[in-house]
Amino acid sequence: MIGVFGKRRNRKPRRWLRVACAIAGLLAAAYFSLPLFFAPARVEPAEVILHLAIDPRSRGDEYVHRLYQEGVARRIIAASSQISWEVYSADFARAHLMEMGVPAENVSILHLPMLECGAEYLPIFADHLKARGFSSVLVVVSPTLTRWGQRRSENYFRAAGIEATVTFVPEARAAMLDRWWRTHWKAQAIALALMNSTIDLLYARCR
């Protein structure tokens, strides 16, 4: 009897070990599949480029300038909230684009308030574009753009009567995803982007 009960007792730790290994495997698979949640790059001609990828790491200015040179759009709006008191990175982006050859009259600035989530900026963008007579826009954002963020933004603009394509700097996206699990800032950026997208679903104004 002791031997029989001893065998039964030994099965329980093995069962929990198998469960733990299965959970670990699922977590590892989920972790390494995180890049699948990020949107593919798409570029469509538009009347204006809304430049939001104002980040030295993403080299957004150079990409927007390249799109301008290729004739994707003939006007540019650089938009940002302030990074310090009365200091807006959009101002520096405009100056940089002008240094690269974009005429001053073709690149303008939109100063944004500090809001809690990305969706809250969409009405501001739509109103600004419509007030200036634009009916199509190419929005260049951070390479951490998720599929949910891309779809939500494009649907909002479309409902507002503006044809929109939301994209990112492809080279920055490729650099971010290249062996991302080995670099702290890459893993952090990916995890934060997905976490923010998930949290946004909990708040009506951020969906």
N, C-alpha and C. Protein backbone atom coordinates (compact mmCIF):
# COMPACT_ATOMS: atom_id res chain seq x y z
N MET A 1 0.83 -1.21 0.00
CA MET A 1 0.00 0.00 0.00
C MET A 1 0.86 1.26 0.00
N ILE A 2 1.93 1.20 0.77
CA ILE A 2 2.78 2.39 0.84
C ILE A 2 3.37 2.68 -0.52
N GLY A 3 3.78 1.60 -1.19
CA GLY A 3 4.35 1.81 -2.52
C GLY A 3 3.35 2.37 -3.49
N VAL A 4 2.10 1.89 -3.41
CA VAL A 4 1.06 2.41 -4.31
C VAL A 4 0.80 3.87 -4.05
N PHE A 5 0.63 4.21 -2.78
CA PHE A 5 0.36 5.63 -2.45
C PHE A 5 1.56 6.52 -2.78
N GLY A 6 2.76 5.94 -2.64
CA GLY A 6 3.96 6.72 -2.98
C GLY A 6 3.99 7.09 -4.44
N LYS A 7 3.57 6.17 -5.30
CA LYS A 7 3.53 6.46 -6.73
C LYS A 7 2.50 7.54 -7.04
N ARG A 8 1.37 7.46 -6.35
CA ARG A 8 0.33 8.47 -6.59
C ARG A 8 0.80 9.85 -6.18
N ARG A 9 1.54 9.89 -5.05
CA ARG A 9 2.03 11.20 -4.59
C ARG A 9 3.05 11.77 -5.57
N ASN A 10 3.81 10.94 -6.23
CA ASN A 10 4.85 11.41 -7.15
C ASN A 10 4.27 11.97 -8.44
N ARG A 11 3.04 11.59 -8.77
CA ARG A 11 2.45 12.08 -10.01
C ARG A 11 2.12 13.57 -9.95
N LYS A 12 1.76 14.05 -8.77
CA LYS A 12 1.32 15.44 -8.64
C LYS A 12 2.43 16.44 -8.98
N PRO A 13 3.64 16.31 -8.44
CA PRO A 13 4.71 17.24 -8.84
C PRO A 13 5.02 17.20 -10.33
N ARG A 14 4.94 15.99 -10.91
CA ARG A 14 5.22 15.89 -12.34
C ARG A 14 4.15 16.61 -13.15
N ARG A 15 2.90 16.48 -12.70
CA ARG A 15 1.81 17.15 -13.40
C ARG A 15 1.99 18.67 -13.36
N TRP A 16 2.33 19.19 -12.19
CA TRP A 16 2.54 20.63 -12.07
C TRP A 16 3.76 21.10 -12.87
N LEU A 17 4.76 20.23 -12.95
CA LEU A 17 5.94 20.58 -13.75
C LEU A 17 5.58 20.69 -15.22
N ARG A 18 4.75 19.74 -15.70
CA ARG A 18 4.31 19.82 -17.10
C ARG A 18 3.49 21.07 -17.35
N VAL A 19 2.61 21.40 -16.41
CA VAL A 19 1.80 22.62 -16.55
C VAL A 19 2.69 23.86 -16.58
N ALA A 20 3.68 23.90 -15.68
CA ALA A 20 4.59 25.05 -15.63
C ALA A 20 5.38 25.17 -16.93
N CYS A 21 5.82 24.04 -17.47
CA CYS A 21 6.57 24.07 -18.73
C CYS A 21 5.68 24.55 -19.88
N ALA A 22 4.42 24.10 -19.88
CA ALA A 22 3.50 24.52 -20.93
C ALA A 22 3.24 26.02 -20.86
N ILE A 23 3.05 26.54 -19.63
CA ILE A 23 2.82 27.97 -19.46
C ILE A 23 4.04 28.76 -19.89
N ALA A 24 5.23 28.29 -19.50
CA ALA A 24 6.47 28.96 -19.90
C ALA A 24 6.62 28.98 -21.42
N GLY A 25 6.26 27.85 -22.05
CA GLY A 25 6.33 27.79 -23.50
C GLY A 25 5.38 28.76 -24.17
N LEU A 26 4.16 28.86 -23.65
CA LEU A 26 3.18 29.80 -24.20
C LEU A 26 3.64 31.24 -24.02
N LEU A 27 4.20 31.55 -22.85
CA LEU A 27 4.68 32.91 -22.61
C LEU A 27 5.84 33.26 -23.54
N ALA A 28 6.73 32.29 -23.74
CA ALA A 28 7.86 32.53 -24.64
C ALA A 28 7.37 32.75 -26.08
N ALA A 29 6.41 31.91 -26.50
CA ALA A 29 5.86 32.06 -27.86
C ALA A 29 5.18 33.40 -28.02
N ALA A 30 4.41 33.81 -27.00
CA ALA A 30 3.74 35.11 -27.05
C ALA A 30 4.75 36.25 -27.10
N TYR A 31 5.82 36.12 -26.31
CA TYR A 31 6.84 37.17 -26.26
C TYR A 31 7.49 37.37 -27.61
N PHE A 32 7.88 36.26 -28.24
CA PHE A 32 8.58 36.38 -29.51
C PHE A 32 7.66 36.66 -30.69
N SER A 33 6.35 36.57 -30.47
CA SER A 33 5.40 36.91 -31.53
C SER A 33 4.91 38.36 -31.43
N LEU A 34 5.43 39.13 -30.48
CA LEU A 34 4.99 40.51 -30.30
C LEU A 34 5.09 41.34 -31.57
N PRO A 35 6.14 41.21 -32.39
CA PRO A 35 6.21 42.01 -33.62
C PRO A 35 5.04 41.82 -34.56
N LEU A 36 4.32 40.70 -34.47
CA LEU A 36 3.17 40.47 -35.35
C LEU A 36 2.04 41.46 -35.09
N PHE A 37 2.06 42.10 -33.92
CA PHE A 37 1.01 43.05 -33.58
C PHE A 37 1.25 44.43 -34.19
N PHE A 38 2.39 44.60 -34.86
CA PHE A 38 2.72 45.90 -35.42
C PHE A 38 2.34 45.98 -36.89
N ALA A 39 1.89 47.15 -37.29
CA ALA A 39 1.31 47.34 -38.62
C ALA A 39 2.39 47.33 -39.71
N PRO A 40 2.03 46.88 -40.91
CA PRO A 40 2.95 46.96 -42.05
C PRO A 40 3.02 48.40 -42.58
N ALA A 41 4.11 48.73 -43.21
CA ALA A 41 4.28 50.07 -43.77
C ALA A 41 3.50 50.19 -45.08
N ARG A 42 2.76 51.28 -45.22
CA ARG A 42 2.04 51.58 -46.46
C ARG A 42 2.17 53.07 -46.74
N VAL A 43 2.34 53.40 -47.99
CA VAL A 43 2.44 54.81 -48.39
C VAL A 43 1.49 55.06 -49.55
N GLU A 44 0.64 56.05 -49.41
CA GLU A 44 -0.28 56.46 -50.47
C GLU A 44 -0.11 57.96 -50.71
N PRO A 45 -0.18 58.41 -51.98
CA PRO A 45 -0.10 59.85 -52.25
C PRO A 45 -1.21 60.60 -51.51
N ALA A 46 -0.89 61.81 -51.06
CA ALA A 46 -1.85 62.61 -50.31
C ALA A 46 -1.58 64.08 -50.56
N GLU A 47 -2.48 64.91 -50.11
CA GLU A 47 -2.30 66.35 -50.26
C GLU A 47 -1.29 66.90 -49.26
N VAL A 48 -1.17 66.23 -48.11
CA VAL A 48 -0.29 66.74 -47.05
C VAL A 48 0.26 65.57 -46.24
N ILE A 49 1.47 65.75 -45.74
CA ILE A 49 2.08 64.81 -44.80
C ILE A 49 1.95 65.39 -43.40
N LEU A 50 1.38 64.62 -42.48
CA LEU A 50 1.33 65.01 -41.08
C LEU A 50 2.49 64.29 -40.40
N HIS A 51 3.50 65.05 -40.03
CA HIS A 51 4.77 64.50 -39.53
C HIS A 51 4.74 64.45 -38.00
N LEU A 52 4.62 63.22 -37.48
CA LEU A 52 4.61 63.02 -36.02
C LEU A 52 5.81 62.21 -35.55
N ALA A 53 6.60 61.72 -36.47
CA ALA A 53 7.76 60.88 -36.13
C ALA A 53 8.98 61.75 -35.84
N ILE A 54 8.80 62.68 -34.91
CA ILE A 54 9.88 63.63 -34.61
C ILE A 54 10.72 63.06 -33.47
N ASP A 55 11.64 62.20 -33.86
CA ASP A 55 12.46 61.47 -32.90
C ASP A 55 13.81 61.21 -33.56
N PRO A 56 14.92 61.62 -32.95
CA PRO A 56 16.22 61.41 -33.58
C PRO A 56 16.48 59.96 -33.96
N ARG A 57 15.97 59.02 -33.16
CA ARG A 57 16.22 57.61 -33.44
C ARG A 57 15.49 57.14 -34.69
N SER A 58 14.31 57.69 -34.95
CA SER A 58 13.51 57.24 -36.10
C SER A 58 13.92 57.93 -37.40
N ARG A 59 14.68 59.03 -37.31
CA ARG A 59 15.10 59.79 -38.49
C ARG A 59 13.89 60.15 -39.36
N GLY A 60 12.84 60.60 -38.68
CA GLY A 60 11.60 60.94 -39.36
C GLY A 60 11.72 62.12 -40.30
N ASP A 61 12.54 63.11 -39.93
CA ASP A 61 12.70 64.28 -40.80
C ASP A 61 13.22 63.87 -42.16
N GLU A 62 14.23 63.01 -42.15
CA GLU A 62 14.83 62.57 -43.42
C GLU A 62 13.81 61.79 -44.26
N TYR A 63 13.02 60.97 -43.61
CA TYR A 63 12.03 60.19 -44.34
C TYR A 63 10.94 61.09 -44.93
N VAL A 64 10.46 62.03 -44.14
CA VAL A 64 9.44 62.96 -44.64
C VAL A 64 9.99 63.78 -45.79
N HIS A 65 11.24 64.20 -45.67
CA HIS A 65 11.87 64.95 -46.77
C HIS A 65 11.94 64.09 -48.04
N ARG A 66 12.26 62.81 -47.88
CA ARG A 66 12.33 61.91 -49.02
C ARG A 66 10.96 61.76 -49.68
N LEU A 67 9.93 61.61 -48.88
CA LEU A 67 8.57 61.51 -49.43
C LEU A 67 8.20 62.79 -50.18
N TYR A 68 8.59 63.92 -49.62
CA TYR A 68 8.31 65.21 -50.27
C TYR A 68 9.03 65.28 -51.62
N GLN A 69 10.30 64.89 -51.63
CA GLN A 69 11.09 64.93 -52.86
C GLN A 69 10.52 63.99 -53.91
N GLU A 70 9.93 62.87 -53.48
CA GLU A 70 9.34 61.91 -54.41
C GLU A 70 7.96 62.34 -54.89
N GLY A 71 7.44 63.43 -54.36
CA GLY A 71 6.15 63.94 -54.80
C GLY A 71 4.96 63.24 -54.18
N VAL A 72 5.17 62.51 -53.07
CA VAL A 72 4.06 61.85 -52.40
C VAL A 72 3.06 62.88 -51.89
N ALA A 73 3.56 64.02 -51.41
CA ALA A 73 2.72 65.14 -50.97
C ALA A 73 3.52 66.41 -51.14
N ARG A 74 2.82 67.52 -51.34
CA ARG A 74 3.50 68.79 -51.59
C ARG A 74 3.43 69.74 -50.39
N ARG A 75 2.78 69.30 -49.34
CA ARG A 75 2.73 70.10 -48.12
C ARG A 75 3.04 69.22 -46.93
N ILE A 76 3.62 69.83 -45.90
CA ILE A 76 4.00 69.10 -44.68
C ILE A 76 3.52 69.88 -43.47
N ILE A 77 2.97 69.16 -42.50
CA ILE A 77 2.65 69.75 -41.20
C ILE A 77 3.42 68.97 -40.15
N ALA A 78 4.31 69.65 -39.43
CA ALA A 78 5.04 69.03 -38.32
C ALA A 78 4.28 69.32 -37.04
N ALA A 79 3.92 68.29 -36.30
CA ALA A 79 3.09 68.47 -35.11
C ALA A 79 3.71 67.80 -33.90
N SER A 80 3.66 68.49 -32.76
CA SER A 80 4.15 67.91 -31.52
C SER A 80 3.60 68.69 -30.34
N SER A 81 3.59 68.04 -29.18
CA SER A 81 3.33 68.75 -27.93
C SER A 81 4.67 69.27 -27.42
N GLN A 82 4.64 70.06 -26.36
CA GLN A 82 5.88 70.67 -25.90
C GLN A 82 6.72 69.67 -25.10
N ILE A 83 8.04 69.79 -25.26
CA ILE A 83 8.96 68.94 -24.53
C ILE A 83 9.55 69.67 -23.34
N SER A 84 9.37 70.97 -23.30
CA SER A 84 9.77 71.79 -22.17
C SER A 84 8.93 73.06 -22.27
N TRP A 85 9.13 73.99 -21.36
CA TRP A 85 8.31 75.19 -21.36
C TRP A 85 8.46 75.96 -22.67
N GLU A 86 7.36 76.00 -23.44
CA GLU A 86 7.32 76.72 -24.71
C GLU A 86 8.36 76.20 -25.72
N VAL A 87 8.74 74.95 -25.58
CA VAL A 87 9.67 74.34 -26.52
C VAL A 87 8.98 73.16 -27.18
N TYR A 88 8.85 73.22 -28.50
CA TYR A 88 8.16 72.20 -29.27
C TYR A 88 9.13 71.57 -30.27
N SER A 89 9.22 70.26 -30.26
CA SER A 89 10.11 69.60 -31.22
C SER A 89 9.67 69.82 -32.66
N ALA A 90 8.38 70.11 -32.88
CA ALA A 90 7.90 70.40 -34.24
C ALA A 90 8.60 71.62 -34.83
N ASP A 91 8.94 72.59 -33.99
CA ASP A 91 9.64 73.78 -34.48
C ASP A 91 11.01 73.40 -35.06
N PHE A 92 11.71 72.51 -34.35
CA PHE A 92 13.02 72.08 -34.82
C PHE A 92 12.89 71.20 -36.06
N ALA A 93 11.83 70.39 -36.13
CA ALA A 93 11.62 69.57 -37.32
C ALA A 93 11.40 70.44 -38.55
N ARG A 94 10.60 71.51 -38.39
CA ARG A 94 10.35 72.41 -39.52
C ARG A 94 11.66 73.05 -39.97
N ALA A 95 12.46 73.53 -39.01
CA ALA A 95 13.74 74.15 -39.36
C ALA A 95 14.65 73.16 -40.08
N HIS A 96 14.65 71.93 -39.63
CA HIS A 96 15.48 70.90 -40.24
C HIS A 96 15.02 70.61 -41.67
N LEU A 97 13.71 70.50 -41.87
CA LEU A 97 13.18 70.26 -43.21
C LEU A 97 13.52 71.41 -44.15
N MET A 98 13.46 72.61 -43.65
CA MET A 98 13.82 73.77 -44.47
C MET A 98 15.30 73.74 -44.82
N GLU A 99 16.15 73.32 -43.89
CA GLU A 99 17.57 73.19 -44.17
C GLU A 99 17.83 72.18 -45.28
N MET A 100 16.97 71.14 -45.35
CA MET A 100 17.13 70.11 -46.37
C MET A 100 16.51 70.52 -47.71
N GLY A 101 15.89 71.68 -47.75
CA GLY A 101 15.43 72.19 -49.03
C GLY A 101 13.93 72.33 -49.20
N VAL A 102 13.13 72.03 -48.19
CA VAL A 102 11.69 72.21 -48.31
C VAL A 102 11.38 73.70 -48.17
N PRO A 103 10.69 74.31 -49.11
CA PRO A 103 10.36 75.74 -49.01
C PRO A 103 9.55 76.04 -47.74
N ALA A 104 9.81 77.18 -47.14
CA ALA A 104 9.16 77.54 -45.88
C ALA A 104 7.64 77.54 -46.00
N GLU A 105 7.13 77.95 -47.16
CA GLU A 105 5.68 78.02 -47.32
C GLU A 105 5.02 76.64 -47.43
N ASN A 106 5.83 75.60 -47.61
CA ASN A 106 5.27 74.26 -47.77
C ASN A 106 5.35 73.41 -46.51
N VAL A 107 5.88 73.95 -45.44
CA VAL A 107 5.95 73.20 -44.19
C VAL A 107 5.50 74.09 -43.03
N SER A 108 4.47 73.66 -42.34
CA SER A 108 3.91 74.44 -41.24
C SER A 108 3.99 73.65 -39.94
N ILE A 109 3.54 74.29 -38.86
CA ILE A 109 3.68 73.71 -37.52
C ILE A 109 2.31 73.65 -36.86
N LEU A 110 2.11 72.57 -36.12
CA LEU A 110 0.91 72.44 -35.28
C LEU A 110 1.37 72.11 -33.86
N HIS A 111 1.17 73.07 -32.95
CA HIS A 111 1.50 72.85 -31.55
C HIS A 111 0.33 72.15 -30.86
N LEU A 112 0.63 71.07 -30.16
CA LEU A 112 -0.41 70.25 -29.55
C LEU A 112 -0.40 70.39 -28.03
N PRO A 113 -1.56 70.25 -27.41
CA PRO A 113 -1.61 70.22 -25.95
C PRO A 113 -1.11 68.88 -25.43
N MET A 114 -0.91 68.80 -24.12
CA MET A 114 -0.53 67.54 -23.49
C MET A 114 -1.80 66.76 -23.15
N LEU A 115 -2.01 65.65 -23.83
CA LEU A 115 -3.20 64.83 -23.60
C LEU A 115 -2.78 63.44 -23.14
N GLU A 116 -3.76 62.63 -22.74
CA GLU A 116 -3.45 61.36 -22.10
C GLU A 116 -3.19 60.22 -23.07
N CYS A 117 -3.82 60.23 -24.24
CA CYS A 117 -3.63 59.12 -25.16
C CYS A 117 -3.72 59.61 -26.60
N GLY A 118 -3.21 58.78 -27.52
CA GLY A 118 -3.12 59.19 -28.91
C GLY A 118 -4.46 59.50 -29.55
N ALA A 119 -5.51 58.76 -29.20
CA ALA A 119 -6.81 58.96 -29.83
C ALA A 119 -7.37 60.34 -29.56
N GLU A 120 -6.98 60.96 -28.45
CA GLU A 120 -7.49 62.29 -28.12
C GLU A 120 -6.96 63.37 -29.07
N TYR A 121 -5.89 63.06 -29.78
CA TYR A 121 -5.34 64.03 -30.73
C TYR A 121 -6.05 63.98 -32.08
N LEU A 122 -6.73 62.89 -32.36
CA LEU A 122 -7.33 62.72 -33.68
C LEU A 122 -8.31 63.84 -34.04
N PRO A 123 -9.21 64.27 -33.14
CA PRO A 123 -10.10 65.39 -33.49
C PRO A 123 -9.33 66.68 -33.80
N ILE A 124 -8.23 66.89 -33.09
CA ILE A 124 -7.42 68.09 -33.34
C ILE A 124 -6.83 68.03 -34.74
N PHE A 125 -6.29 66.88 -35.09
CA PHE A 125 -5.72 66.71 -36.43
C PHE A 125 -6.78 66.89 -37.51
N ALA A 126 -7.92 66.25 -37.33
CA ALA A 126 -8.98 66.32 -38.34
C ALA A 126 -9.46 67.75 -38.52
N ASP A 127 -9.69 68.46 -37.43
CA ASP A 127 -10.15 69.85 -37.52
C ASP A 127 -9.12 70.74 -38.20
N HIS A 128 -7.85 70.52 -37.86
CA HIS A 128 -6.78 71.32 -38.44
C HIS A 128 -6.68 71.09 -39.95
N LEU A 129 -6.79 69.84 -40.36
CA LEU A 129 -6.70 69.52 -41.79
C LEU A 129 -7.89 70.07 -42.57
N LYS A 130 -9.09 69.89 -42.02
CA LYS A 130 -10.28 70.37 -42.72
C LYS A 130 -10.32 71.89 -42.79
N ALA A 131 -9.85 72.56 -41.76
CA ALA A 131 -9.83 74.02 -41.76
C ALA A 131 -8.91 74.56 -42.86
N ARG A 132 -7.94 73.77 -43.28
CA ARG A 132 -7.00 74.19 -44.32
C ARG A 132 -7.33 73.57 -45.67
N GLY A 133 -8.46 72.91 -45.75
CA GLY A 133 -8.95 72.41 -47.03
C GLY A 133 -8.35 71.11 -47.50
N PHE A 134 -7.68 70.37 -46.62
CA PHE A 134 -7.08 69.09 -47.02
C PHE A 134 -8.10 67.98 -46.89
N SER A 135 -8.15 67.12 -47.90
CA SER A 135 -9.08 65.98 -47.86
C SER A 135 -8.35 64.64 -47.88
N SER A 136 -7.01 64.67 -47.90
CA SER A 136 -6.23 63.43 -47.82
C SER A 136 -4.93 63.72 -47.09
N VAL A 137 -4.46 62.73 -46.31
CA VAL A 137 -3.27 62.94 -45.50
C VAL A 137 -2.49 61.63 -45.37
N LEU A 138 -1.18 61.76 -45.36
CA LEU A 138 -0.28 60.66 -45.02
C LEU A 138 0.31 61.00 -43.66
N VAL A 139 -0.01 60.19 -42.67
CA VAL A 139 0.44 60.44 -41.30
C VAL A 139 1.66 59.57 -41.02
N VAL A 140 2.79 60.22 -40.73
CA VAL A 140 4.03 59.50 -40.43
C VAL A 140 4.23 59.53 -38.92
N VAL A 141 4.23 58.34 -38.32
CA VAL A 141 4.28 58.23 -36.87
C VAL A 141 5.49 57.41 -36.43
N SER A 142 5.57 57.15 -35.13
CA SER A 142 6.64 56.34 -34.56
C SER A 142 6.59 54.92 -35.12
N PRO A 143 7.75 54.24 -35.23
CA PRO A 143 7.75 52.86 -35.72
C PRO A 143 7.07 51.87 -34.78
N THR A 144 6.70 52.32 -33.57
CA THR A 144 5.98 51.45 -32.64
C THR A 144 4.48 51.42 -32.91
N LEU A 145 4.06 51.96 -34.05
CA LEU A 145 2.65 51.91 -34.43
C LEU A 145 2.14 50.47 -34.45
N THR A 146 1.03 50.22 -33.77
CA THR A 146 0.41 48.89 -33.77
C THR A 146 -0.67 48.81 -34.85
N ARG A 147 -1.07 47.61 -35.17
CA ARG A 147 -2.15 47.42 -36.14
C ARG A 147 -3.43 48.09 -35.65
N TRP A 148 -3.71 47.98 -34.35
CA TRP A 148 -4.90 48.61 -33.78
C TRP A 148 -4.83 50.13 -33.92
N GLY A 149 -3.68 50.72 -33.63
CA GLY A 149 -3.53 52.17 -33.75
C GLY A 149 -3.69 52.65 -35.17
N GLN A 150 -3.13 51.90 -36.12
CA GLN A 150 -3.26 52.26 -37.52
C GLN A 150 -4.72 52.22 -37.97
N ARG A 151 -5.41 51.15 -37.65
CA ARG A 151 -6.80 50.99 -38.07
C ARG A 151 -7.70 52.03 -37.41
N ARG A 152 -7.50 52.27 -36.12
CA ARG A 152 -8.32 53.24 -35.40
C ARG A 152 -8.16 54.63 -36.00
N SER A 153 -6.92 55.03 -36.28
CA SER A 153 -6.67 56.37 -36.80
C SER A 153 -7.25 56.55 -38.20
N GLU A 154 -7.01 55.57 -39.07
CA GLU A 154 -7.51 55.69 -40.44
C GLU A 154 -9.04 55.70 -40.47
N ASN A 155 -9.67 54.90 -39.62
CA ASN A 155 -11.13 54.89 -39.56
C ASN A 155 -11.67 56.23 -39.06
N TYR A 156 -10.99 56.83 -38.10
CA TYR A 156 -11.45 58.12 -37.58
C TYR A 156 -11.38 59.19 -38.66
N PHE A 157 -10.25 59.27 -39.35
CA PHE A 157 -10.11 60.27 -40.41
C PHE A 157 -11.14 60.04 -41.51
N ARG A 158 -11.36 58.79 -41.86
CA ARG A 158 -12.33 58.49 -42.91
C ARG A 158 -13.72 58.94 -42.51
N ALA A 159 -14.09 58.72 -41.26
CA ALA A 159 -15.40 59.16 -40.77
C ALA A 159 -15.51 60.68 -40.77
N ALA A 160 -14.36 61.36 -40.66
CA ALA A 160 -14.35 62.82 -40.68
C ALA A 160 -14.26 63.38 -42.09
N GLY A 161 -14.27 62.51 -43.10
CA GLY A 161 -14.23 62.96 -44.48
C GLY A 161 -12.84 63.16 -45.03
N ILE A 162 -11.82 62.55 -44.40
CA ILE A 162 -10.43 62.70 -44.84
C ILE A 162 -9.85 61.32 -45.13
N GLU A 163 -9.37 61.12 -46.34
CA GLU A 163 -8.70 59.87 -46.68
C GLU A 163 -7.31 59.88 -46.05
N ALA A 164 -7.03 58.86 -45.26
CA ALA A 164 -5.77 58.86 -44.51
C ALA A 164 -5.05 57.53 -44.62
N THR A 165 -3.73 57.61 -44.67
CA THR A 165 -2.86 56.44 -44.55
C THR A 165 -1.89 56.74 -43.42
N VAL A 166 -1.84 55.85 -42.45
CA VAL A 166 -0.95 56.02 -41.31
C VAL A 166 0.22 55.06 -41.47
N THR A 167 1.44 55.60 -41.48
CA THR A 167 2.62 54.78 -41.74
C THR A 167 3.75 55.21 -40.82
N PHE A 168 4.95 54.69 -41.07
CA PHE A 168 6.11 54.96 -40.24
C PHE A 168 7.36 54.87 -41.10
N VAL A 169 8.49 55.21 -40.51
CA VAL A 169 9.76 55.14 -41.23
C VAL A 169 10.16 53.67 -41.34
N PRO A 170 10.16 53.08 -42.53
CA PRO A 170 10.43 51.64 -42.64
C PRO A 170 11.80 51.24 -42.12
N GLU A 171 12.82 52.07 -42.33
CA GLU A 171 14.15 51.74 -41.84
C GLU A 171 14.20 51.71 -40.32
N ALA A 172 13.47 52.65 -39.69
CA ALA A 172 13.43 52.68 -38.22
C ALA A 172 12.69 51.46 -37.69
N ARG A 173 11.63 51.06 -38.40
CA ARG A 173 10.89 49.87 -37.99
C ARG A 173 11.77 48.62 -38.10
N ALA A 174 12.51 48.50 -39.20
CA ALA A 174 13.38 47.34 -39.39
C ALA A 174 14.46 47.29 -38.31
N ALA A 175 15.02 48.46 -37.97
CA ALA A 175 16.05 48.52 -36.93
C ALA A 175 15.48 48.14 -35.58
N MET A 176 14.25 48.57 -35.31
CA MET A 176 13.63 48.28 -34.03
C MET A 176 13.37 46.79 -33.86
N LEU A 177 12.96 46.11 -34.93
CA LEU A 177 12.61 44.69 -34.85
C LEU A 177 13.79 43.75 -35.04
N ASP A 178 14.93 44.29 -35.47
CA ASP A 178 16.10 43.45 -35.71
C ASP A 178 16.67 42.95 -34.37
N ARG A 179 16.51 41.66 -34.10
CA ARG A 179 16.99 41.05 -32.86
C ARG A 179 16.57 41.88 -31.65
N TRP A 180 15.31 42.27 -31.62
CA TRP A 180 14.81 43.19 -30.61
C TRP A 180 14.92 42.64 -29.20
N TRP A 181 14.85 41.31 -29.05
CA TRP A 181 14.88 40.71 -27.72
C TRP A 181 16.25 40.82 -27.05
N ARG A 182 17.27 41.23 -27.82
CA ARG A 182 18.61 41.34 -27.26
C ARG A 182 18.96 42.76 -26.83
N THR A 183 18.07 43.72 -27.12
CA THR A 183 18.35 45.12 -26.82
C THR A 183 17.26 45.69 -25.93
N HIS A 184 17.66 46.28 -24.83
CA HIS A 184 16.70 46.73 -23.83
C HIS A 184 15.72 47.75 -24.39
N TRP A 185 16.22 48.78 -25.09
CA TRP A 185 15.32 49.85 -25.53
C TRP A 185 14.31 49.34 -26.56
N LYS A 186 14.72 48.38 -27.39
CA LYS A 186 13.81 47.83 -28.39
C LYS A 186 12.70 47.02 -27.71
N ALA A 187 13.08 46.13 -26.81
CA ALA A 187 12.08 45.33 -26.09
C ALA A 187 11.16 46.23 -25.29
N GLN A 188 11.73 47.26 -24.68
CA GLN A 188 10.91 48.19 -23.88
C GLN A 188 9.93 48.94 -24.77
N ALA A 189 10.38 49.43 -25.92
CA ALA A 189 9.51 50.19 -26.83
C ALA A 189 8.36 49.32 -27.33
N ILE A 190 8.67 48.07 -27.69
CA ILE A 190 7.63 47.17 -28.19
C ILE A 190 6.62 46.84 -27.10
N ALA A 191 7.13 46.50 -25.91
CA ALA A 191 6.24 46.14 -24.80
C ALA A 191 5.37 47.32 -24.39
N LEU A 192 5.95 48.52 -24.33
CA LEU A 192 5.18 49.71 -23.94
C LEU A 192 4.10 50.04 -24.96
N ALA A 193 4.43 49.90 -26.23
CA ALA A 193 3.45 50.19 -27.27
C ALA A 193 2.24 49.27 -27.16
N LEU A 194 2.50 47.99 -26.95
CA LEU A 194 1.40 47.03 -26.84
C LEU A 194 0.63 47.22 -25.53
N MET A 195 1.33 47.55 -24.46
CA MET A 195 0.67 47.80 -23.19
C MET A 195 -0.24 49.02 -23.29
N ASN A 196 0.26 50.09 -23.91
CA ASN A 196 -0.56 51.30 -24.07
C ASN A 196 -1.79 51.04 -24.93
N SER A 197 -1.62 50.26 -26.00
CA SER A 197 -2.76 49.94 -26.86
C SER A 197 -3.81 49.16 -26.10
N THR A 198 -3.36 48.26 -25.23
CA THR A 198 -4.29 47.46 -24.42
C THR A 198 -5.01 48.33 -23.40
N ILE A 199 -4.27 49.20 -22.73
CA ILE A 199 -4.87 50.08 -21.72
C ILE A 199 -5.86 51.04 -22.37
N ASP A 200 -5.56 51.50 -23.58
CA ASP A 200 -6.47 52.42 -24.28
C ASP A 200 -7.87 51.82 -24.44
N LEU A 201 -7.95 50.51 -24.59
CA LEU A 201 -9.24 49.86 -24.78
C LEU A 201 -10.15 50.02 -23.56
N LEU A 202 -9.58 50.32 -22.42
CA LEU A 202 -10.36 50.44 -21.18
C LEU A 202 -11.03 51.80 -21.05
N TYR A 203 -10.64 52.76 -21.87
CA TYR A 203 -11.16 54.12 -21.75
C TYR A 203 -11.81 54.54 -23.06
N ALA A 204 -13.04 54.96 -22.98
CA ALA A 204 -13.82 55.27 -24.19
C ALA A 204 -13.14 56.34 -25.04
N ARG A 205 -12.60 57.36 -24.41
CA ARG A 205 -12.01 58.45 -25.19
C ARG A 205 -10.70 58.06 -25.89
N CYS A 206 -10.14 56.91 -25.50
CA CYS A 206 -8.87 56.46 -26.07
C CYS A 206 -9.03 55.33 -27.07
N ARG A 207 -10.27 54.88 -27.31
CA ARG A 207 -10.46 53.75 -28.23
C ARG A 207 -10.44 54.22 -29.68
